[in-house]
Amino acid sequence: MKTVFEPMNYYVNQLEAFCSIIRGETEPIPFREAAERVRLLAAIHEAARSGETIYAV
């Protein structure tokens, strides 16, 4: 089964999320969750570079 994602502009998404938080429409993501996302993205980037497989738990 192949997963297909619609094209999107990452920076526009970030700006829209930021504006939503500033307007009080959305709660910000807790720091611990944000840090985990950064760690996961770094692992994905390294796996793509090295060819190794990673498993998210």
PDB file of N, CA and C in Angstrom:
ATOM      1  N   MET A   1       0.844  -1.184   0.000  1.00  0.00           N
ATOM      2  CA  MET A   1       0.000   0.000   0.000  1.00  0.00           C
ATOM      3  C   MET A   1       0.888   1.245   0.000  1.00  0.00           C
ATOM      4  N   LYS A   2       0.594   2.154  -0.898  1.00  0.00           N
ATOM      5  CA  LYS A   2       1.394   3.363  -1.032  1.00  0.00           C
ATOM      6  C   LYS A   2       0.648   4.538  -0.409  1.00  0.00           C
ATOM      7  N   THR A   3       1.346   5.309   0.415  1.00  0.00           N
ATOM      8  CA  THR A   3       0.772   6.507   1.018  1.00  0.00           C
ATOM      9  C   THR A   3       1.148   7.707   0.174  1.00  0.00           C
ATOM     10  N   VAL A   4       0.167   8.511  -0.194  1.00  0.00           N
ATOM     11  CA  VAL A   4       0.403   9.697  -1.011  1.00  0.00           C
ATOM     12  C   VAL A   4       0.018  10.932  -0.191  1.00  0.00           C
ATOM     13  N   PHE A   5       0.900  11.897  -0.166  1.00  0.00           N
ATOM     14  CA  PHE A   5       0.661  13.147   0.550  1.00  0.00           C
ATOM     15  C   PHE A   5       0.487  14.274  -0.456  1.00  0.00           C
ATOM     16  N   GLU A   6      -0.439  15.147  -0.172  1.00  0.00           N
ATOM     17  CA  GLU A   6      -0.645  16.319  -1.015  1.00  0.00           C
ATOM     18  C   GLU A   6       0.552  17.262  -0.857  1.00  0.00           C
ATOM     19  N   PRO A   7       0.985  17.912  -1.935  1.00  0.00           N
ATOM     20  CA  PRO A   7       2.072  18.888  -1.823  1.00  0.00           C
ATOM     21  C   PRO A   7       1.641  20.046  -0.918  1.00  0.00           C
ATOM     22  N   MET A   8       2.597  20.547  -0.139  1.00  0.00           N
ATOM     23  CA  MET A   8       2.299  21.688   0.719  1.00  0.00           C
ATOM     24  C   MET A   8       3.565  22.498   0.948  1.00  0.00           C
ATOM     25  N   ASN A   9       3.365  23.723   1.357  1.00  0.00           N
ATOM     26  CA  ASN A   9       4.484  24.605   1.669  1.00  0.00           C
ATOM     27  C   ASN A   9       4.682  24.601   3.177  1.00  0.00           C
ATOM     28  N   TYR A  10       5.782  24.008   3.621  1.00  0.00           N
ATOM     29  CA  TYR A  10       6.084  23.869   5.044  1.00  0.00           C
ATOM     30  C   TYR A  10       6.092  25.226   5.752  1.00  0.00           C
ATOM     31  N   TYR A  11       6.658  26.236   5.126  1.00  0.00           N
ATOM     32  CA  TYR A  11       6.772  27.545   5.767  1.00  0.00           C
ATOM     33  C   TYR A  11       5.407  28.213   5.930  1.00  0.00           C
ATOM     34  N   VAL A  12       4.541  28.055   4.942  1.00  0.00           N
ATOM     35  CA  VAL A  12       3.187  28.596   5.046  1.00  0.00           C
ATOM     36  C   VAL A  12       2.448  27.889   6.186  1.00  0.00           C
ATOM     37  N   ASN A  13       2.597  26.580   6.272  1.00  0.00           N
ATOM     38  CA  ASN A  13       1.961  25.836   7.359  1.00  0.00           C
ATOM     39  C   ASN A  13       2.435  26.320   8.723  1.00  0.00           C
ATOM     40  N   GLN A  14       3.728  26.548   8.860  1.00  0.00           N
ATOM     41  CA  GLN A  14       4.281  27.025  10.126  1.00  0.00           C
ATOM     42  C   GLN A  14       3.754  28.417  10.470  1.00  0.00           C
ATOM     43  N   LEU A  15       3.692  29.283   9.484  1.00  0.00           N
ATOM     44  CA  LEU A  15       3.195  30.636   9.711  1.00  0.00           C
ATOM     45  C   LEU A  15       1.717  30.621  10.100  1.00  0.00           C
ATOM     46  N   GLU A  16       0.931  29.789   9.436  1.00  0.00           N
ATOM     47  CA  GLU A  16      -0.491  29.685   9.779  1.00  0.00           C
ATOM     48  C   GLU A  16      -0.668  29.153  11.195  1.00  0.00           C
ATOM     49  N   ALA A  17       0.124  28.166  11.591  1.00  0.00           N
ATOM     50  CA  ALA A  17       0.047  27.622  12.950  1.00  0.00           C
ATOM     51  C   ALA A  17       0.447  28.682  13.972  1.00  0.00           C
ATOM     52  N   PHE A  18       1.504  29.414  13.695  1.00  0.00           N
ATOM     53  CA  PHE A  18       1.966  30.474  14.594  1.00  0.00           C
ATOM     54  C   PHE A  18       0.892  31.544  14.771  1.00  0.00           C
ATOM     55  N   CYS A  19       0.295  31.974  13.664  1.00  0.00           N
ATOM     56  CA  CYS A  19      -0.757  33.001  13.730  1.00  0.00           C
ATOM     57  C   CYS A  19      -1.960  32.506  14.522  1.00  0.00           C
ATOM     58  N   SER A  20      -2.301  31.252  14.361  1.00  0.00           N
ATOM     59  CA  SER A  20      -3.418  30.672  15.094  1.00  0.00           C
ATOM     60  C   SER A  20      -3.156  30.692  16.596  1.00  0.00           C
ATOM     61  N   ILE A  21      -1.923  30.421  16.988  1.00  0.00           N
ATOM     62  CA  ILE A  21      -1.558  30.463  18.408  1.00  0.00           C
ATOM     63  C   ILE A  21      -1.616  31.901  18.914  1.00  0.00           C
ATOM     64  N   ILE A  22      -1.063  32.847  18.157  1.00  0.00           N
ATOM     65  CA  ILE A  22      -1.057  34.259  18.558  1.00  0.00           C
ATOM     66  C   ILE A  22      -2.483  34.788  18.719  1.00  0.00           C
ATOM     67  N   ARG A  23      -3.392  34.356  17.834  1.00  0.00           N
ATOM     68  CA  ARG A  23      -4.793  34.805  17.914  1.00  0.00           C
ATOM     69  C   ARG A  23      -5.561  34.098  19.028  1.00  0.00           C
ATOM     70  N   GLY A  24      -4.949  33.117  19.671  1.00  0.00           N
ATOM     71  CA  GLY A  24      -5.607  32.387  20.750  1.00  0.00           C
ATOM     72  C   GLY A  24      -6.550  31.303  20.265  1.00  0.00           C
ATOM     73  N   GLU A  25      -6.455  30.924  19.010  1.00  0.00           N
ATOM     74  CA  GLU A  25      -7.334  29.906  18.436  1.00  0.00           C
ATOM     75  C   GLU A  25      -6.832  28.490  18.710  1.00  0.00           C
ATOM     76  N   THR A  26      -5.536  28.368  18.949  1.00  0.00           N
ATOM     77  CA  THR A  26      -4.897  27.071  19.139  1.00  0.00           C
ATOM     78  C   THR A  26      -3.913  27.156  20.291  1.00  0.00           C
ATOM     79  N   GLU A  27      -3.808  26.077  21.061  1.00  0.00           N
ATOM     80  CA  GLU A  27      -2.799  26.009  22.122  1.00  0.00           C
ATOM     81  C   GLU A  27      -1.458  25.617  21.506  1.00  0.00           C
ATOM     82  N   PRO A  28      -0.363  26.194  21.990  1.00  0.00           N
ATOM     83  CA  PRO A  28       0.946  25.798  21.463  1.00  0.00           C
ATOM     84  C   PRO A  28       1.269  24.353  21.849  1.00  0.00           C
ATOM     85  N   ILE A  29       2.100  23.720  21.046  1.00  0.00           N
ATOM     86  CA  ILE A  29       2.552  22.362  21.333  1.00  0.00           C
ATOM     87  C   ILE A  29       3.520  22.426  22.511  1.00  0.00           C
ATOM     88  N   PRO A  30       3.365  21.553  23.508  1.00  0.00           N
ATOM     89  CA  PRO A  30       4.315  21.546  24.635  1.00  0.00           C
ATOM     90  C   PRO A  30       5.744  21.327  24.140  1.00  0.00           C
ATOM     91  N   PHE A  31       6.687  21.943  24.825  1.00  0.00           N
ATOM     92  CA  PHE A  31       8.094  21.870  24.421  1.00  0.00           C
ATOM     93  C   PHE A  31       8.567  20.430  24.270  1.00  0.00           C
ATOM     94  N   ARG A  32       8.188  19.555  25.201  1.00  0.00           N
ATOM     95  CA  ARG A  32       8.644  18.161  25.147  1.00  0.00           C
ATOM     96  C   ARG A  32       8.218  17.495  23.833  1.00  0.00           C
ATOM     97  N   GLU A  33       6.984  17.745  23.391  1.00  0.00           N
ATOM     98  CA  GLU A  33       6.508  17.176  22.129  1.00  0.00           C
ATOM     99  C   GLU A  33       7.248  17.779  20.931  1.00  0.00           C
ATOM    100  N   ALA A  34       7.485  19.079  20.979  1.00  0.00           N
ATOM    101  CA  ALA A  34       8.207  19.740  19.889  1.00  0.00           C
ATOM    102  C   ALA A  34       9.629  19.194  19.786  1.00  0.00           C
ATOM    103  N   ALA A  35      10.289  19.008  20.928  1.00  0.00           N
ATOM    104  CA  ALA A  35      11.652  18.474  20.938  1.00  0.00           C
ATOM    105  C   ALA A  35      11.682  17.049  20.394  1.00  0.00           C
ATOM    106  N   GLU A  36      10.664  16.239  20.709  1.00  0.00           N
ATOM    107  CA  GLU A  36      10.596  14.866  20.196  1.00  0.00           C
ATOM    108  C   GLU A  36      10.433  14.877  18.677  1.00  0.00           C
ATOM    109  N   ARG A  37       9.649  15.798  18.151  1.00  0.00           N
ATOM    110  CA  ARG A  37       9.483  15.898  16.694  1.00  0.00           C
ATOM    111  C   ARG A  37      10.792  16.262  16.012  1.00  0.00           C
ATOM    112  N   VAL A  38      11.549  17.169  16.618  1.00  0.00           N
ATOM    113  CA  VAL A  38      12.848  17.552  16.056  1.00  0.00           C
ATOM    114  C   VAL A  38      13.784  16.342  16.063  1.00  0.00           C
ATOM    115  N   ARG A  39      13.791  15.575  17.177  1.00  0.00           N
ATOM    116  CA  ARG A  39      14.637  14.388  17.269  1.00  0.00           C
ATOM    117  C   ARG A  39      14.257  13.367  16.200  1.00  0.00           C
ATOM    118  N   LEU A  40      12.961  13.166  15.991  1.00  0.00           N
ATOM    119  CA  LEU A  40      12.501  12.205  14.994  1.00  0.00           C
ATOM    120  C   LEU A  40      12.878  12.649  13.577  1.00  0.00           C
ATOM    121  N   LEU A  41      12.697  13.931  13.284  1.00  0.00           N
ATOM    122  CA  LEU A  41      13.077  14.432  11.954  1.00  0.00           C
ATOM    123  C   LEU A  41      14.578  14.298  11.712  1.00  0.00           C
ATOM    124  N   ALA A  42      15.376  14.532  12.752  1.00  0.00           N
ATOM    125  CA  ALA A  42      16.827  14.363  12.608  1.00  0.00           C
ATOM    126  C   ALA A  42      17.168  12.897  12.334  1.00  0.00           C
ATOM    127  N   ALA A  43      16.476  11.969  12.998  1.00  0.00           N
ATOM    128  CA  ALA A  43      16.716  10.544  12.775  1.00  0.00           C
ATOM    129  C   ALA A  43      16.313  10.140  11.356  1.00  0.00           C
ATOM    130  N   ILE A  44      15.200  10.681  10.873  1.00  0.00           N
ATOM    131  CA  ILE A  44      14.757  10.386   9.506  1.00  0.00           C
ATOM    132  C   ILE A  44      15.780  10.905   8.499  1.00  0.00           C
ATOM    133  N   HIS A  45      16.262  12.115   8.735  1.00  0.00           N
ATOM    134  CA  HIS A  45      17.265  12.706   7.839  1.00  0.00           C
ATOM    135  C   HIS A  45      18.532  11.846   7.818  1.00  0.00           C
ATOM    136  N   GLU A  46      18.989  11.423   8.977  1.00  0.00           N
ATOM    137  CA  GLU A  46      20.197  10.599   9.055  1.00  0.00           C
ATOM    138  C   GLU A  46      19.979   9.251   8.374  1.00  0.00           C
ATOM    139  N   ALA A  47      18.804   8.657   8.556  1.00  0.00           N
ATOM    140  CA  ALA A  47      18.508   7.376   7.919  1.00  0.00           C
ATOM    141  C   ALA A  47      18.488   7.516   6.397  1.00  0.00           C
ATOM    142  N   ALA A  48      17.938   8.612   5.916  1.00  0.00           N
ATOM    143  CA  ALA A  48      17.909   8.846   4.471  1.00  0.00           C
ATOM    144  C   ALA A  48      19.340   8.998   3.931  1.00  0.00           C
ATOM    145  N   ARG A  49      20.182   9.655   4.694  1.00  0.00           N
ATOM    146  CA  ARG A  49      21.567   9.867   4.281  1.00  0.00           C
ATOM    147  C   ARG A  49      22.362   8.566   4.299  1.00  0.00           C
ATOM    148  N   SER A  50      22.176   7.773   5.367  1.00  0.00           N
ATOM    149  CA  SER A  50      23.002   6.576   5.559  1.00  0.00           C
ATOM    150  C   SER A  50      22.401   5.306   4.968  1.00  0.00           C
ATOM    151  N   GLY A  51      21.078   5.327   4.708  1.00  0.00           N
ATOM    152  CA  GLY A  51      20.426   4.137   4.181  1.00  0.00           C
ATOM    153  C   GLY A  51      19.972   3.167   5.246  1.00  0.00           C
ATOM    154  N   GLU A  52      20.173   3.503   6.517  1.00  0.00           N
ATOM    155  CA  GLU A  52      19.757   2.600   7.592  1.00  0.00           C
ATOM    156  C   GLU A  52      18.243   2.717   7.828  1.00  0.00           C
ATOM    157  N   THR A  53      17.698   1.713   8.491  1.00  0.00           N
ATOM    158  CA  THR A  53      16.270   1.708   8.822  1.00  0.00           C
ATOM    159  C   THR A  53      16.099   2.195  10.250  1.00  0.00           C
ATOM    160  N   ILE A  54      15.084   3.028  10.475  1.00  0.00           N
ATOM    161  CA  ILE A  54      14.785   3.467  11.835  1.00  0.00           C
ATOM    162  C   ILE A  54      13.372   3.009  12.184  1.00  0.00           C
ATOM    163  N   TYR A  55      13.131   2.864  13.447  1.00  0.00           N
ATOM    164  CA  TYR A  55      11.818   2.461  13.943  1.00  0.00           C
ATOM    165  C   TYR A  55      11.380   3.467  14.995  1.00  0.00           C
ATOM    166  N   ALA A  56      10.233   4.105  14.768  1.00  0.00           N
ATOM    167  CA  ALA A  56       9.703   5.064  15.745  1.00  0.00           C
ATOM    168  C   ALA A  56       8.839   4.298  16.735  1.00  0.00           C
ATOM    169  N   VAL A  57       9.054   4.551  17.992  1.00  0.00           N
ATOM    170  CA  VAL A  57       8.249   3.897  19.027  1.00  0.00           C
ATOM    171  C   VAL A  57       7.538   4.913  19.877  1.00  0.00           C
TER     172      VAL A  57
END
